[in-house]
Amino acid sequence: MVQEFFLSFVPLFVAVDPFGVLPLYLSVAQNYEPKKRQKILTLSITTAFLVAFLFLAFGHMAMAFLRISLADFQIAGGIILFALALIDLVIATKTRHSAGLDNLGVVPLGVPILVGPAVFTTLILLRHNYGLEAPLLALVAVMSLTYLIFSFASSVARFLGESGVKIISKIAMLFLASIGVMMVRRGVSELLRTWG
């Protein structure tokens, strides 16, 4: 159970990427008084958790209804994860962290910035590999840690520095790209095994 939790926690933390979202949160949070900032943070984390939980609990049913095999999802999800990481690593745009900054709470910080395609893809695979319990515990842990990081956002940013935050975010994206490649490889292997 401990190993399954760890194997669920690492890719989920990388997919959520709280350090990558931190600069956006800092840039917006400074415009609000502490009470408003806390409300935005609580609403964002709560929204992200609820959406992720619902997808973890019922996403596999949607796949079954649409007749999407795990191999199909692995290949498509892997390509999406790799593309997201590539955009962040190479092109360095802020598409993922841009629209709607004045309405930070539920959208876009909760969904799709904290919980978006990368998290959905990761959750489906974790559910398939480890069932519900370990990924759910990992999700609670990741969201709790994200809440703590954002609660002490100013201190974390000062400690890491602008370069430190960027480095951690880039390393996380490198892991995300690697996970994407692994998913495509496994999906293709499963398709070839099925066809064989």
C-alpha atoms as a PDB file:
ATOM      1  CA  MET A   1       0.000   0.000   0.000  1.00  0.00           C
ATOM      2  CA  VAL A   2       2.866   2.397   0.833  1.00  0.00           C
ATOM      3  CA  GLN A   3       4.526   1.660  -2.504  1.00  0.00           C
ATOM      4  CA  GLU A   4       1.255   2.143  -4.404  1.00  0.00           C
ATOM      5  CA  PHE A   5       0.714   5.450  -2.591  1.00  0.00           C
ATOM      6  CA  PHE A   6       4.199   6.646  -3.532  1.00  0.00           C
ATOM      7  CA  LEU A   7       3.799   5.505  -7.146  1.00  0.00           C
ATOM      8  CA  SER A   8       0.498   7.403  -7.272  1.00  0.00           C
ATOM      9  CA  PHE A   9       1.741  10.511  -5.451  1.00  0.00           C
ATOM     10  CA  VAL A  10       4.796  11.263  -7.626  1.00  0.00           C
ATOM     11  CA  PRO A  11       3.130  11.431 -11.078  1.00  0.00           C
ATOM     12  CA  LEU A  12       0.098  13.206  -9.611  1.00  0.00           C
ATOM     13  CA  PHE A  13       2.260  15.869  -7.937  1.00  0.00           C
ATOM     14  CA  VAL A  14       4.164  16.341 -11.186  1.00  0.00           C
ATOM     15  CA  ALA A  15       0.901  16.657 -13.144  1.00  0.00           C
ATOM     16  CA  VAL A  16      -0.562  19.257 -10.737  1.00  0.00           C
ATOM     17  CA  ASP A  17       2.787  21.128 -10.736  1.00  0.00           C
ATOM     18  CA  PRO A  18       2.144  23.530  -7.808  1.00  0.00           C
ATOM     19  CA  PHE A  19       5.584  25.140  -8.191  1.00  0.00           C
ATOM     20  CA  GLY A  20       4.843  25.852 -11.831  1.00  0.00           C
ATOM     21  CA  VAL A  21       1.532  27.513 -10.920  1.00  0.00           C
ATOM     22  CA  LEU A  22       3.089  29.419  -7.996  1.00  0.00           C
ATOM     23  CA  PRO A  23       4.264  32.469 -10.019  1.00  0.00           C
ATOM     24  CA  LEU A  24       0.735  32.959 -11.398  1.00  0.00           C
ATOM     25  CA  TYR A  25      -0.810  32.682  -7.953  1.00  0.00           C
ATOM     26  CA  LEU A  26       1.722  35.149  -6.523  1.00  0.00           C
ATOM     27  CA  SER A  27       1.148  37.680  -9.282  1.00  0.00           C
ATOM     28  CA  VAL A  28      -2.598  37.690  -8.626  1.00  0.00           C
ATOM     29  CA  ALA A  29      -2.698  37.115  -4.859  1.00  0.00           C
ATOM     30  CA  GLN A  30      -0.755  40.291  -4.136  1.00  0.00           C
ATOM     31  CA  ASN A  31      -3.698  42.313  -5.519  1.00  0.00           C
ATOM     32  CA  TYR A  32      -6.065  41.068  -2.791  1.00  0.00           C
ATOM     33  CA  GLU A  33      -6.308  41.509   0.953  1.00  0.00           C
ATOM     34  CA  PRO A  34      -5.459  38.423   3.100  1.00  0.00           C
ATOM     35  CA  LYS A  35      -9.103  37.350   3.678  1.00  0.00           C
ATOM     36  CA  LYS A  36      -9.946  37.485  -0.022  1.00  0.00           C
ATOM     37  CA  ARG A  37      -6.684  35.708  -0.880  1.00  0.00           C
ATOM     38  CA  GLN A  38      -7.505  32.897   1.560  1.00  0.00           C
ATOM     39  CA  LYS A  39     -11.012  32.563   0.123  1.00  0.00           C
ATOM     40  CA  ILE A  40      -9.651  32.304  -3.425  1.00  0.00           C
ATOM     41  CA  LEU A  41      -7.114  29.691  -2.345  1.00  0.00           C
ATOM     42  CA  THR A  42      -9.668  27.571  -0.454  1.00  0.00           C
ATOM     43  CA  LEU A  43     -12.141  27.725  -3.333  1.00  0.00           C
ATOM     44  CA  SER A  44      -9.480  26.809  -5.886  1.00  0.00           C
ATOM     45  CA  ILE A  45      -8.169  23.797  -3.970  1.00  0.00           C
ATOM     46  CA  THR A  46     -11.692  22.585  -3.112  1.00  0.00           C
ATOM     47  CA  THR A  47     -12.792  22.852  -6.757  1.00  0.00           C
ATOM     48  CA  ALA A  48      -9.655  21.114  -8.011  1.00  0.00           C
ATOM     49  CA  PHE A  49     -10.059  18.265  -5.517  1.00  0.00           C
ATOM     50  CA  LEU A  50     -13.763  17.697  -6.219  1.00  0.00           C
ATOM     51  CA  VAL A  51     -13.318  17.667  -9.999  1.00  0.00           C
ATOM     52  CA  ALA A  52     -10.312  15.331  -9.727  1.00  0.00           C
ATOM     53  CA  PHE A  53     -12.162  13.021  -7.325  1.00  0.00           C
ATOM     54  CA  LEU A  54     -15.187  12.769  -9.609  1.00  0.00           C
ATOM     55  CA  PHE A  55     -12.942  11.949 -12.546  1.00  0.00           C
ATOM     56  CA  LEU A  56     -11.028   9.369 -10.474  1.00  0.00           C
ATOM     57  CA  ALA A  57     -14.280   7.747  -9.338  1.00  0.00           C
ATOM     58  CA  PHE A  58     -16.256   7.830 -12.598  1.00  0.00           C
ATOM     59  CA  GLY A  59     -13.801   8.494 -15.459  1.00  0.00           C
ATOM     60  CA  HIS A  60     -13.421   4.784 -16.198  1.00  0.00           C
ATOM     61  CA  MET A  61     -17.213   4.521 -16.644  1.00  0.00           C
ATOM     62  CA  ALA A  62     -17.149   7.286 -19.243  1.00  0.00           C
ATOM     63  CA  MET A  63     -14.363   5.421 -21.043  1.00  0.00           C
ATOM     64  CA  ALA A  64     -16.399   2.205 -21.026  1.00  0.00           C
ATOM     65  CA  PHE A  65     -19.491   4.028 -22.310  1.00  0.00           C
ATOM     66  CA  LEU A  66     -17.497   5.587 -25.157  1.00  0.00           C
ATOM     67  CA  ARG A  67     -15.728   2.256 -25.814  1.00  0.00           C
ATOM     68  CA  ILE A  68     -12.293   3.771 -25.297  1.00  0.00           C
ATOM     69  CA  SER A  69      -9.737   1.129 -24.380  1.00  0.00           C
ATOM     70  CA  LEU A  70      -6.940   1.745 -21.896  1.00  0.00           C
ATOM     71  CA  ALA A  71      -4.434   1.471 -24.740  1.00  0.00           C
ATOM     72  CA  ASP A  72      -6.296   4.202 -26.657  1.00  0.00           C
ATOM     73  CA  PHE A  73      -6.308   6.425 -23.580  1.00  0.00           C
ATOM     74  CA  GLN A  74      -2.641   5.753 -22.841  1.00  0.00           C
ATOM     75  CA  ILE A  75      -1.576   6.775 -26.348  1.00  0.00           C
ATOM     76  CA  ALA A  76      -3.821   9.867 -26.490  1.00  0.00           C
ATOM     77  CA  GLY A  77      -3.045  10.838 -22.900  1.00  0.00           C
ATOM     78  CA  GLY A  78       0.671  10.304 -23.378  1.00  0.00           C
ATOM     79  CA  ILE A  79       0.694  12.554 -26.440  1.00  0.00           C
ATOM     80  CA  ILE A  80      -1.203  15.253 -24.498  1.00  0.00           C
ATOM     81  CA  LEU A  81       1.161  15.051 -21.524  1.00  0.00           C
ATOM     82  CA  PHE A  82       4.195  15.215 -23.804  1.00  0.00           C
ATOM     83  CA  ALA A  83       2.718  18.173 -25.715  1.00  0.00           C
ATOM     84  CA  LEU A  84       1.918  20.075 -22.507  1.00  0.00           C
ATOM     85  CA  ALA A  85       5.421  19.488 -21.187  1.00  0.00           C
ATOM     86  CA  LEU A  86       6.976  20.444 -24.535  1.00  0.00           C
ATOM     87  CA  ILE A  87       5.066  23.728 -24.626  1.00  0.00           C
ATOM     88  CA  ASP A  88       6.225  24.541 -21.114  1.00  0.00           C
ATOM     89  CA  LEU A  89       9.825  23.427 -21.656  1.00  0.00           C
ATOM     90  CA  VAL A  90      10.615  24.604 -25.180  1.00  0.00           C
ATOM     91  CA  ILE A  91       8.093  27.139 -26.364  1.00  0.00           C
ATOM     92  CA  ALA A  92       7.757  28.642 -22.864  1.00  0.00           C
ATOM     93  CA  THR A  93       4.352  30.200 -23.460  1.00  0.00           C
ATOM     94  CA  LYS A  94       1.952  31.063 -20.664  1.00  0.00           C
ATOM     95  CA  THR A  95      -1.099  29.506 -22.302  1.00  0.00           C
ATOM     96  CA  ARG A  96      -1.630  27.165 -19.396  1.00  0.00           C
ATOM     97  CA  HIS A  97      -1.460  30.004 -16.880  1.00  0.00           C
ATOM     98  CA  SER A  98      -3.198  32.841 -18.651  1.00  0.00           C
ATOM     99  CA  ALA A  99      -6.903  33.494 -19.124  1.00  0.00           C
ATOM    100  CA  GLY A 100      -9.317  34.929 -16.584  1.00  0.00           C
ATOM    101  CA  LEU A 101      -7.030  36.180 -13.849  1.00  0.00           C
ATOM    102  CA  ASP A 102      -9.747  38.366 -12.355  1.00  0.00           C
ATOM    103  CA  ASN A 103     -11.869  35.270 -11.669  1.00  0.00           C
ATOM    104  CA  LEU A 104      -9.076  33.210 -10.180  1.00  0.00           C
ATOM    105  CA  GLY A 105     -11.088  31.047  -7.754  1.00  0.00           C
ATOM    106  CA  VAL A 106     -12.860  28.191  -9.503  1.00  0.00           C
ATOM    107  CA  VAL A 107     -11.729  29.002 -13.039  1.00  0.00           C
ATOM    108  CA  PRO A 108      -8.976  29.094 -14.157  1.00  0.00           C
ATOM    109  CA  LEU A 109      -6.875  28.257 -11.066  1.00  0.00           C
ATOM    110  CA  GLY A 110      -8.956  25.306  -9.823  1.00  0.00           C
ATOM    111  CA  VAL A 111      -9.780  24.021 -13.311  1.00  0.00           C
ATOM    112  CA  PRO A 112      -7.996  23.748 -15.710  1.00  0.00           C
ATOM    113  CA  ILE A 113      -4.689  25.033 -14.253  1.00  0.00           C
ATOM    114  CA  LEU A 114      -4.401  22.828 -11.152  1.00  0.00           C
ATOM    115  CA  VAL A 115      -6.605  20.041 -12.505  1.00  0.00           C
ATOM    116  CA  GLY A 116      -6.513  19.758 -16.283  1.00  0.00           C
ATOM    117  CA  PRO A 117      -5.696  17.213 -19.012  1.00  0.00           C
ATOM    118  CA  ALA A 118      -2.444  16.089 -17.388  1.00  0.00           C
ATOM    119  CA  VAL A 119      -4.167  15.295 -14.075  1.00  0.00           C
ATOM    120  CA  PHE A 120      -7.155  13.607 -15.748  1.00  0.00           C
ATOM    121  CA  THR A 121      -4.871  11.367 -17.789  1.00  0.00           C
ATOM    122  CA  THR A 122      -2.770  10.504 -14.746  1.00  0.00           C
ATOM    123  CA  LEU A 123      -5.837   9.684 -12.630  1.00  0.00           C
ATOM    124  CA  ILE A 124      -7.281   7.298 -15.219  1.00  0.00           C
ATOM    125  CA  LEU A 125      -4.024   5.351 -15.368  1.00  0.00           C
ATOM    126  CA  LEU A 126      -3.582   5.329 -11.591  1.00  0.00           C
ATOM    127  CA  ARG A 127      -7.129   4.026 -11.160  1.00  0.00           C
ATOM    128  CA  HIS A 128      -6.435   1.240 -13.645  1.00  0.00           C
ATOM    129  CA  ASN A 129      -3.099   0.285 -12.066  1.00  0.00           C
ATOM    130  CA  TYR A 130      -3.813   0.676  -8.330  1.00  0.00           C
ATOM    131  CA  GLY A 131      -7.576   0.827  -7.851  1.00  0.00           C
ATOM    132  CA  LEU A 132      -9.263   3.695  -5.997  1.00  0.00           C
ATOM    133  CA  GLU A 133      -7.729   3.812  -2.508  1.00  0.00           C
ATOM    134  CA  ALA A 134      -4.047   4.599  -3.166  1.00  0.00           C
ATOM    135  CA  PRO A 135      -4.708   7.242  -5.874  1.00  0.00           C
ATOM    136  CA  LEU A 136      -7.376   8.868  -3.680  1.00  0.00           C
ATOM    137  CA  LEU A 137      -4.967   9.112  -0.735  1.00  0.00           C
ATOM    138  CA  ALA A 138      -2.315  10.482  -3.097  1.00  0.00           C
ATOM    139  CA  LEU A 139      -4.805  13.048  -4.426  1.00  0.00           C
ATOM    140  CA  VAL A 140      -5.619  14.195  -0.870  1.00  0.00           C
ATOM    141  CA  ALA A 141      -1.897  14.450  -0.097  1.00  0.00           C
ATOM    142  CA  VAL A 142      -1.090  16.381  -3.291  1.00  0.00           C
ATOM    143  CA  MET A 143      -3.938  18.855  -2.793  1.00  0.00           C
ATOM    144  CA  SER A 144      -3.022  19.326   0.876  1.00  0.00           C
ATOM    145  CA  LEU A 145       0.606  19.976  -0.048  1.00  0.00           C
ATOM    146  CA  THR A 146      -0.468  22.369  -2.803  1.00  0.00           C
ATOM    147  CA  TYR A 147      -2.624  24.235  -0.289  1.00  0.00           C
ATOM    148  CA  LEU A 148       0.366  24.564   2.069  1.00  0.00           C
ATOM    149  CA  ILE A 149       2.681  25.734  -0.725  1.00  0.00           C
ATOM    150  CA  PHE A 150       0.189  28.381  -1.807  1.00  0.00           C
ATOM    151  CA  SER A 151      -0.543  29.419   1.809  1.00  0.00           C
ATOM    152  CA  PHE A 152       3.145  30.240   2.234  1.00  0.00           C
ATOM    153  CA  ALA A 153       3.574  31.345  -1.379  1.00  0.00           C
ATOM    154  CA  SER A 154       5.549  34.498  -0.623  1.00  0.00           C
ATOM    155  CA  SER A 155       7.949  32.690   1.721  1.00  0.00           C
ATOM    156  CA  VAL A 156       8.413  29.783  -0.702  1.00  0.00           C
ATOM    157  CA  ALA A 157       9.095  32.172  -3.580  1.00  0.00           C
ATOM    158  CA  ARG A 158      11.617  34.153  -1.489  1.00  0.00           C
ATOM    159  CA  PHE A 159      13.366  30.942  -0.393  1.00  0.00           C
ATOM    160  CA  LEU A 160      13.564  29.434  -3.882  1.00  0.00           C
ATOM    161  CA  GLY A 161      13.991  32.698  -5.746  1.00  0.00           C
ATOM    162  CA  GLU A 162      12.594  33.286  -9.225  1.00  0.00           C
ATOM    163  CA  SER A 163      15.233  31.021 -10.762  1.00  0.00           C
ATOM    164  CA  GLY A 164      14.548  28.262  -8.239  1.00  0.00           C
ATOM    165  CA  VAL A 165      10.818  28.255  -8.967  1.00  0.00           C
ATOM    166  CA  LYS A 166      11.525  28.096 -12.721  1.00  0.00           C
ATOM    167  CA  ILE A 167      14.068  25.279 -12.315  1.00  0.00           C
ATOM    168  CA  ILE A 168      11.688  23.148 -10.220  1.00  0.00           C
ATOM    169  CA  SER A 169       8.894  23.756 -12.710  1.00  0.00           C
ATOM    170  CA  LYS A 170      11.106  22.760 -15.656  1.00  0.00           C
ATOM    171  CA  ILE A 171      12.290  19.595 -13.890  1.00  0.00           C
ATOM    172  CA  ALA A 172       8.642  18.701 -13.194  1.00  0.00           C
ATOM    173  CA  MET A 173       7.800  19.222 -16.876  1.00  0.00           C
ATOM    174  CA  LEU A 174      10.710  16.973 -17.882  1.00  0.00           C
ATOM    175  CA  PHE A 175       9.275  14.224 -15.690  1.00  0.00           C
ATOM    176  CA  LEU A 176       5.842  14.859 -17.189  1.00  0.00           C
ATOM    177  CA  ALA A 177       7.255  14.515 -20.717  1.00  0.00           C
ATOM    178  CA  SER A 178       8.944  11.246 -19.709  1.00  0.00           C
ATOM    179  CA  ILE A 179       5.698   9.927 -18.240  1.00  0.00           C
ATOM    180  CA  GLY A 180       3.959  10.857 -21.504  1.00  0.00           C
ATOM    181  CA  VAL A 181       6.492   8.903 -23.568  1.00  0.00           C
ATOM    182  CA  MET A 182       6.151   5.924 -21.211  1.00  0.00           C
ATOM    183  CA  MET A 183       2.359   6.000 -21.593  1.00  0.00           C
ATOM    184  CA  VAL A 184       2.551   6.032 -25.397  1.00  0.00           C
ATOM    185  CA  ARG A 185       5.055   3.162 -25.312  1.00  0.00           C
ATOM    186  CA  ARG A 186       2.795   1.093 -23.056  1.00  0.00           C
ATOM    187  CA  GLY A 187      -0.281   1.903 -25.130  1.00  0.00           C
ATOM    188  CA  VAL A 188       1.401   0.889 -28.385  1.00  0.00           C
ATOM    189  CA  SER A 189       2.725  -2.307 -26.754  1.00  0.00           C
ATOM    190  CA  GLU A 190      -0.798  -3.162 -25.541  1.00  0.00           C
ATOM    191  CA  LEU A 191      -2.275  -2.554 -29.014  1.00  0.00           C
ATOM    192  CA  LEU A 192       0.381  -4.715 -30.666  1.00  0.00           C
ATOM    193  CA  ARG A 193      -0.218  -7.465 -28.086  1.00  0.00           C
ATOM    194  CA  THR A 194      -3.987  -7.295 -28.717  1.00  0.00           C
ATOM    195  CA  TRP A 195      -3.585  -7.376 -32.489  1.00  0.00           C
ATOM    196  CA  GLY A 196      -1.035 -10.176 -32.274  1.00  0.00           C
END
